[in-house]
């Protein structure tokens, strides 16, 4: 009888979430999204994700961001209180640590854009919940539409 090695690409080893569409209450905030988290089990996982920033009417973005955290955003200008590296029983295995947040700051404004998160590997020894959180600085918050998506794949 040979050694059994699970295939990391089997569907049961992939978890995804897509947030509800957020219309922010104000500009310059980290957003409290809904359905924007996954709970991973012990092992090594690859985290990927992206956020889409669009509008209804007119909303121009000057700064946007998306990243992985241990807590959700709170619709304030403060980053979530728990960085990815601050989750108990979890270690960030990638070269980039902390929140693994991608920010895009521009000298001009743009009406719609999609940006990726930094692909991140983590290892955990107990079930851990990870959130994908967005940030935006825009001209008209009431016209903004923001959605985030995360996919995690168990490697080991």
C-alpha atoms as a PDB file:
ATOM      1  CA  UNK A   1       0.000   0.000   0.000  1.00  0.00           C
ATOM      2  CA  UNK A   2       1.442   3.394  -1.018  1.00  0.00           C
ATOM      3  CA  UNK A   3       1.541   6.707   0.799  1.00  0.00           C
ATOM      4  CA  UNK A   4      -1.655   8.740   0.295  1.00  0.00           C
ATOM      5  CA  UNK A   5      -1.052  12.402  -0.515  1.00  0.00           C
ATOM      6  CA  UNK A   6      -4.214  14.546  -0.817  1.00  0.00           C
ATOM      7  CA  UNK A   7      -4.554  16.565  -3.988  1.00  0.00           C
ATOM      8  CA  UNK A   8      -4.441  20.284  -3.006  1.00  0.00           C
ATOM      9  CA  UNK A   9      -6.682  21.137  -5.959  1.00  0.00           C
ATOM     10  CA  UNK A  10      -9.624  19.019  -4.856  1.00  0.00           C
ATOM     11  CA  UNK A  11     -12.708  21.238  -4.475  1.00  0.00           C
ATOM     12  CA  UNK A  12     -13.069  20.552  -0.741  1.00  0.00           C
ATOM     13  CA  UNK A  13      -9.732  22.300  -0.195  1.00  0.00           C
ATOM     14  CA  UNK A  14     -10.887  25.593  -1.740  1.00  0.00           C
ATOM     15  CA  UNK A  15     -13.024  28.118   0.135  1.00  0.00           C
ATOM     16  CA  UNK A  16     -14.410  31.341  -1.324  1.00  0.00           C
ATOM     17  CA  UNK A  17     -16.453  34.326  -0.241  1.00  0.00           C
ATOM     18  CA  UNK A  18     -17.875  37.329  -2.041  1.00  0.00           C
ATOM     19  CA  UNK A  19     -18.941  40.320  -0.012  1.00  0.00           C
ATOM     20  CA  UNK A  20     -22.248  42.031  -0.409  1.00  0.00           C
ATOM     21  CA  UNK A  21     -22.015  45.268  -2.407  1.00  0.00           C
ATOM     22  CA  UNK A  22     -21.132  48.129  -0.070  1.00  0.00           C
ATOM     23  CA  UNK A  23     -22.297  51.702  -0.460  1.00  0.00           C
ATOM     24  CA  UNK A  24     -20.069  53.505   2.057  1.00  0.00           C
ATOM     25  CA  UNK A  25     -21.527  56.049   4.451  1.00  0.00           C
ATOM     26  CA  UNK A  26     -18.429  58.249   4.217  1.00  0.00           C
ATOM     27  CA  UNK A  27     -15.112  58.625   2.438  1.00  0.00           C
ATOM     28  CA  UNK A  28     -11.671  57.702   3.860  1.00  0.00           C
ATOM     29  CA  UNK A  29     -12.947  54.544   5.614  1.00  0.00           C
ATOM     30  CA  UNK A  30     -12.095  50.875   6.018  1.00  0.00           C
ATOM     31  CA  UNK A  31     -15.397  49.171   5.283  1.00  0.00           C
ATOM     32  CA  UNK A  32     -17.514  46.833   7.357  1.00  0.00           C
ATOM     33  CA  UNK A  33     -18.502  44.348   4.659  1.00  0.00           C
ATOM     34  CA  UNK A  34     -20.890  41.402   4.870  1.00  0.00           C
ATOM     35  CA  UNK A  35     -20.094  37.803   3.865  1.00  0.00           C
ATOM     36  CA  UNK A  36     -16.409  38.743   3.567  1.00  0.00           C
ATOM     37  CA  UNK A  37     -14.728  36.070   5.679  1.00  0.00           C
ATOM     38  CA  UNK A  38     -13.682  32.438   5.594  1.00  0.00           C
ATOM     39  CA  UNK A  39     -12.680  30.138   8.434  1.00  0.00           C
ATOM     40  CA  UNK A  40      -9.685  27.970   7.679  1.00  0.00           C
ATOM     41  CA  UNK A  41      -8.714  24.741   9.431  1.00  0.00           C
ATOM     42  CA  UNK A  42      -5.228  23.753  10.620  1.00  0.00           C
ATOM     43  CA  UNK A  43      -2.738  23.543   7.764  1.00  0.00           C
ATOM     44  CA  UNK A  44      -1.067  25.790   5.197  1.00  0.00           C
ATOM     45  CA  UNK A  45      -3.269  27.969   2.986  1.00  0.00           C
ATOM     46  CA  UNK A  46      -2.804  30.310   0.024  1.00  0.00           C
ATOM     47  CA  UNK A  47      -4.935  33.484   0.212  1.00  0.00           C
ATOM     48  CA  UNK A  48      -5.896  35.436  -2.893  1.00  0.00           C
ATOM     49  CA  UNK A  49      -8.468  38.140  -3.438  1.00  0.00           C
ATOM     50  CA  UNK A  50      -9.467  41.353  -5.102  1.00  0.00           C
ATOM     51  CA  UNK A  51     -11.794  44.317  -4.693  1.00  0.00           C
ATOM     52  CA  UNK A  52     -13.881  46.108  -7.301  1.00  0.00           C
ATOM     53  CA  UNK A  53     -14.602  49.796  -6.901  1.00  0.00           C
ATOM     54  CA  UNK A  54     -17.360  51.146  -9.151  1.00  0.00           C
ATOM     55  CA  UNK A  55     -20.131  53.732  -8.964  1.00  0.00           C
ATOM     56  CA  UNK A  56     -23.754  54.563  -9.593  1.00  0.00           C
ATOM     57  CA  UNK A  57     -24.028  58.158 -10.743  1.00  0.00           C
ATOM     58  CA  UNK A  58     -20.715  59.872 -10.150  1.00  0.00           C
ATOM     59  CA  UNK A  59     -18.032  58.861  -7.689  1.00  0.00           C
ATOM     60  CA  UNK A  60     -14.373  59.375  -8.325  1.00  0.00           C
ATOM     61  CA  UNK A  61     -11.768  57.441  -6.334  1.00  0.00           C
ATOM     62  CA  UNK A  62      -8.321  58.798  -5.474  1.00  0.00           C
ATOM     63  CA  UNK A  63      -7.091  56.106  -3.035  1.00  0.00           C
ATOM     64  CA  UNK A  64      -8.262  52.506  -2.692  1.00  0.00           C
ATOM     65  CA  UNK A  65      -7.034  49.458  -0.840  1.00  0.00           C
ATOM     66  CA  UNK A  66      -7.832  45.825  -0.128  1.00  0.00           C
ATOM     67  CA  UNK A  67      -6.229  43.402   2.311  1.00  0.00           C
ATOM     68  CA  UNK A  68      -6.511  40.436   4.641  1.00  0.00           C
ATOM     69  CA  UNK A  69      -7.192  41.024   8.351  1.00  0.00           C
ATOM     70  CA  UNK A  70      -8.181  39.163  11.493  1.00  0.00           C
ATOM     71  CA  UNK A  71     -11.193  41.437  12.086  1.00  0.00           C
ATOM     72  CA  UNK A  72     -13.677  43.185   9.817  1.00  0.00           C
ATOM     73  CA  UNK A  73     -13.548  46.874   8.979  1.00  0.00           C
ATOM     74  CA  UNK A  74     -15.710  49.179  11.096  1.00  0.00           C
ATOM     75  CA  UNK A  75     -16.646  51.955   8.638  1.00  0.00           C
ATOM     76  CA  UNK A  76     -14.041  54.251  10.216  1.00  0.00           C
ATOM     77  CA  UNK A  77     -10.739  55.733   9.083  1.00  0.00           C
ATOM     78  CA  UNK A  78      -8.886  53.285  11.348  1.00  0.00           C
ATOM     79  CA  UNK A  79      -7.605  50.006   9.954  1.00  0.00           C
ATOM     80  CA  UNK A  80      -9.173  46.863  11.467  1.00  0.00           C
ATOM     81  CA  UNK A  81      -7.838  46.190  14.952  1.00  0.00           C
ATOM     82  CA  UNK A  82      -6.347  42.765  14.188  1.00  0.00           C
ATOM     83  CA  UNK A  83      -3.748  42.473  11.454  1.00  0.00           C
ATOM     84  CA  UNK A  84      -3.464  39.178   9.622  1.00  0.00           C
ATOM     85  CA  UNK A  85      -0.228  38.548  11.522  1.00  0.00           C
ATOM     86  CA  UNK A  86      -2.083  39.188  14.796  1.00  0.00           C
ATOM     87  CA  UNK A  87      -4.475  36.228  14.510  1.00  0.00           C
ATOM     88  CA  UNK A  88      -3.841  33.728  17.310  1.00  0.00           C
ATOM     89  CA  UNK A  89      -2.521  30.337  16.131  1.00  0.00           C
ATOM     90  CA  UNK A  90      -1.716  31.730  12.656  1.00  0.00           C
ATOM     91  CA  UNK A  91       1.668  32.463  11.061  1.00  0.00           C
ATOM     92  CA  UNK A  92       2.160  34.471   7.884  1.00  0.00           C
ATOM     93  CA  UNK A  93       4.570  32.428   5.749  1.00  0.00           C
ATOM     94  CA  UNK A  94       4.946  34.962   2.916  1.00  0.00           C
ATOM     95  CA  UNK A  95       7.749  37.485   2.558  1.00  0.00           C
ATOM     96  CA  UNK A  96       5.156  40.253   3.027  1.00  0.00           C
ATOM     97  CA  UNK A  97       3.732  40.285   6.556  1.00  0.00           C
ATOM     98  CA  UNK A  98       1.300  42.487   8.472  1.00  0.00           C
ATOM     99  CA  UNK A  99      -2.024  43.095   6.750  1.00  0.00           C
ATOM    100  CA  UNK A 100      -0.850  42.190   3.264  1.00  0.00           C
ATOM    101  CA  UNK A 101      -2.832  45.160   1.984  1.00  0.00           C
ATOM    102  CA  UNK A 102      -2.570  46.501  -1.568  1.00  0.00           C
ATOM    103  CA  UNK A 103      -3.032  50.282  -1.796  1.00  0.00           C
ATOM    104  CA  UNK A 104      -3.373  52.290  -4.974  1.00  0.00           C
ATOM    105  CA  UNK A 105      -2.802  56.010  -4.613  1.00  0.00           C
ATOM    106  CA  UNK A 106      -3.130  58.138  -7.717  1.00  0.00           C
ATOM    107  CA  UNK A 107      -2.371  61.723  -8.595  1.00  0.00           C
ATOM    108  CA  UNK A 108      -5.652  61.834 -10.501  1.00  0.00           C
ATOM    109  CA  UNK A 109      -9.056  60.290  -9.963  1.00  0.00           C
ATOM    110  CA  UNK A 110     -10.636  57.255 -11.559  1.00  0.00           C
ATOM    111  CA  UNK A 111     -14.250  56.119 -11.786  1.00  0.00           C
ATOM    112  CA  UNK A 112     -13.880  52.327 -11.565  1.00  0.00           C
ATOM    113  CA  UNK A 113     -11.067  49.915 -10.871  1.00  0.00           C
ATOM    114  CA  UNK A 114     -10.383  46.377  -9.633  1.00  0.00           C
ATOM    115  CA  UNK A 115      -7.228  45.725  -7.599  1.00  0.00           C
ATOM    116  CA  UNK A 116      -5.757  42.443  -6.306  1.00  0.00           C
ATOM    117  CA  UNK A 117      -4.608  41.567  -2.799  1.00  0.00           C
ATOM    118  CA  UNK A 118      -1.055  40.428  -2.265  1.00  0.00           C
ATOM    119  CA  UNK A 119      -1.099  36.613  -2.592  1.00  0.00           C
ATOM    120  CA  UNK A 120      -0.281  35.360   0.891  1.00  0.00           C
ATOM    121  CA  UNK A 121       0.546  31.981   2.443  1.00  0.00           C
ATOM    122  CA  UNK A 122      -0.414  31.319   6.051  1.00  0.00           C
ATOM    123  CA  UNK A 123      -0.150  28.346   8.410  1.00  0.00           C
ATOM    124  CA  UNK A 124      -2.506  27.811  11.312  1.00  0.00           C
ATOM    125  CA  UNK A 125      -2.731  25.314  14.157  1.00  0.00           C
ATOM    126  CA  UNK A 126      -6.399  25.970  15.008  1.00  0.00           C
ATOM    127  CA  UNK A 127      -9.474  27.160  13.101  1.00  0.00           C
ATOM    128  CA  UNK A 128      -8.918  30.821  12.135  1.00  0.00           C
ATOM    129  CA  UNK A 129     -11.223  33.394  10.536  1.00  0.00           C
ATOM    130  CA  UNK A 130      -9.776  35.730   7.901  1.00  0.00           C
ATOM    131  CA  UNK A 131     -11.522  38.837   6.521  1.00  0.00           C
ATOM    132  CA  UNK A 132     -10.995  40.655   3.248  1.00  0.00           C
ATOM    133  CA  UNK A 133     -11.407  44.386   3.929  1.00  0.00           C
ATOM    134  CA  UNK A 134     -11.549  47.370   1.572  1.00  0.00           C
ATOM    135  CA  UNK A 135     -10.568  51.020   1.966  1.00  0.00           C
ATOM    136  CA  UNK A 136     -11.521  53.977  -0.240  1.00  0.00           C
ATOM    137  CA  UNK A 137     -11.108  57.714  -0.502  1.00  0.00           C
ATOM    138  CA  UNK A 138     -13.627  59.056  -2.999  1.00  0.00           C
ATOM    139  CA  UNK A 139     -15.564  62.178  -3.963  1.00  0.00           C
ATOM    140  CA  UNK A 140     -19.145  60.956  -3.403  1.00  0.00           C
ATOM    141  CA  UNK A 141     -19.468  58.041  -0.985  1.00  0.00           C
ATOM    142  CA  UNK A 142     -23.206  57.662  -1.572  1.00  0.00           C
ATOM    143  CA  UNK A 143     -22.539  56.829  -5.243  1.00  0.00           C
ATOM    144  CA  UNK A 144     -19.773  54.302  -4.597  1.00  0.00           C
ATOM    145  CA  UNK A 145     -20.222  50.554  -5.002  1.00  0.00           C
ATOM    146  CA  UNK A 146     -17.563  48.272  -3.523  1.00  0.00           C
ATOM    147  CA  UNK A 147     -17.307  44.474  -3.614  1.00  0.00           C
ATOM    148  CA  UNK A 148     -14.540  42.139  -2.414  1.00  0.00           C
ATOM    149  CA  UNK A 149     -13.824  38.487  -3.181  1.00  0.00           C
ATOM    150  CA  UNK A 150     -11.455  36.066  -1.442  1.00  0.00           C
ATOM    151  CA  UNK A 151     -10.381  32.562  -2.359  1.00  0.00           C
ATOM    152  CA  UNK A 152      -8.269  30.352  -0.115  1.00  0.00           C
ATOM    153  CA  UNK A 153      -6.667  27.099  -1.174  1.00  0.00           C
ATOM    154  CA  UNK A 154      -5.312  24.504   1.257  1.00  0.00           C
ATOM    155  CA  UNK A 155      -1.763  23.626   0.287  1.00  0.00           C
ATOM    156  CA  UNK A 156      -0.844  21.140   3.073  1.00  0.00           C
END
